[in-house]
Amino acid sequence: MSQLTHEQYNRLEAALSGSRRIRISRRGIEYVVIPLAMRTHERREVIDARHPTTGDAMTLFLDELDSLEVV
């Protein structure tokens, strides 16, 4: 996934403001996480997230994701 569509950005923004979970797929592994913030890091878009069960912090680079869906 090289870049999100306008619709996906809107849904991600709603998930960020409402603490809703997102389902992402990266390298064939699916994660369900709670997004905390979206930022740029060295010209790449990043989602800072937390795993809802373990509480582990995750940094997800958008250009490495295969798919993203708000659940």
Protein backbone atom coordinates (compact mmCIF):
# COMPACT_ATOMS: atom_id res chain seq x y z
CA MET A 1 0.00 0.00 0.00
CA SER A 2 1.85 3.06 -1.18
CA GLN A 3 -0.60 5.72 -0.03
CA LEU A 4 -4.03 5.89 1.58
CA THR A 5 -7.06 7.15 -0.30
CA HIS A 6 -8.94 10.23 0.86
CA GLU A 7 -11.66 7.94 2.29
CA GLN A 8 -9.10 5.86 4.21
CA TYR A 9 -7.52 9.01 5.68
CA ASN A 10 -10.96 10.17 6.86
CA ARG A 11 -11.68 6.81 8.48
CA LEU A 12 -8.24 6.71 10.11
CA GLU A 13 -8.76 10.24 11.46
CA ALA A 14 -12.11 9.17 12.92
CA ALA A 15 -10.47 6.12 14.50
CA LEU A 16 -7.75 8.31 16.02
CA SER A 17 -10.21 10.76 17.55
CA GLY A 18 -12.60 8.05 18.77
CA SER A 19 -10.03 5.48 19.97
CA ARG A 20 -11.47 2.91 17.57
CA ARG A 21 -9.46 -0.09 16.51
CA ILE A 22 -7.92 -0.58 13.11
CA ARG A 23 -7.06 -3.81 11.34
CA ILE A 24 -3.85 -3.74 9.38
CA SER A 25 -2.01 -6.34 7.37
CA ARG A 26 1.76 -6.22 7.00
CA ARG A 27 3.94 -8.92 5.47
CA GLY A 28 1.09 -11.43 5.64
CA ILE A 29 0.39 -10.87 9.35
CA GLU A 30 -2.84 -9.23 10.50
CA TYR A 31 -2.89 -6.93 13.54
CA VAL A 32 -5.78 -5.23 15.32
CA VAL A 33 -4.47 -2.17 17.16
CA ILE A 34 -5.62 1.10 18.70
CA PRO A 35 -4.11 4.07 16.80
CA LEU A 36 -2.73 6.81 19.05
CA ALA A 37 -1.22 9.30 16.61
CA MET A 38 -0.25 9.81 13.01
CA ARG A 39 2.95 11.64 12.14
CA THR A 40 5.79 11.80 9.67
CA HIS A 41 9.25 10.41 10.28
CA GLU A 42 11.98 11.11 7.76
CA ARG A 43 9.39 11.86 5.03
CA ARG A 44 7.39 8.69 5.75
CA GLU A 45 3.92 8.58 7.31
CA VAL A 46 3.75 6.65 10.57
CA ILE A 47 0.93 5.45 12.80
CA ASP A 48 1.81 5.13 16.49
CA ALA A 49 -0.43 2.44 17.93
CA ARG A 50 -0.97 0.23 20.96
CA HIS A 51 -1.88 -3.46 20.98
CA PRO A 52 -5.19 -3.66 22.91
CA THR A 53 -4.41 -6.91 24.72
CA THR A 54 -0.72 -6.62 25.61
CA GLY A 55 -0.42 -2.82 25.70
CA ASP A 56 2.73 -3.00 23.56
CA ALA A 57 3.59 0.12 21.58
CA MET A 58 3.82 -0.31 17.81
CA THR A 59 5.16 1.99 15.10
CA LEU A 60 3.59 1.23 11.72
CA PHE A 61 4.93 2.79 8.53
CA LEU A 62 2.12 3.31 6.03
CA ASP A 63 4.26 2.42 3.04
CA GLU A 64 4.90 -1.03 4.56
CA LEU A 65 1.22 -1.90 5.06
CA ASP A 66 -0.63 -4.26 2.74
CA SER A 67 -4.08 -3.12 3.93
CA LEU A 68 -5.77 -0.92 6.52
CA GLU A 69 -9.38 -1.05 7.72
CA VAL A 70 -11.18 0.66 10.60
CA VAL A 71 -13.24 -1.84 12.63
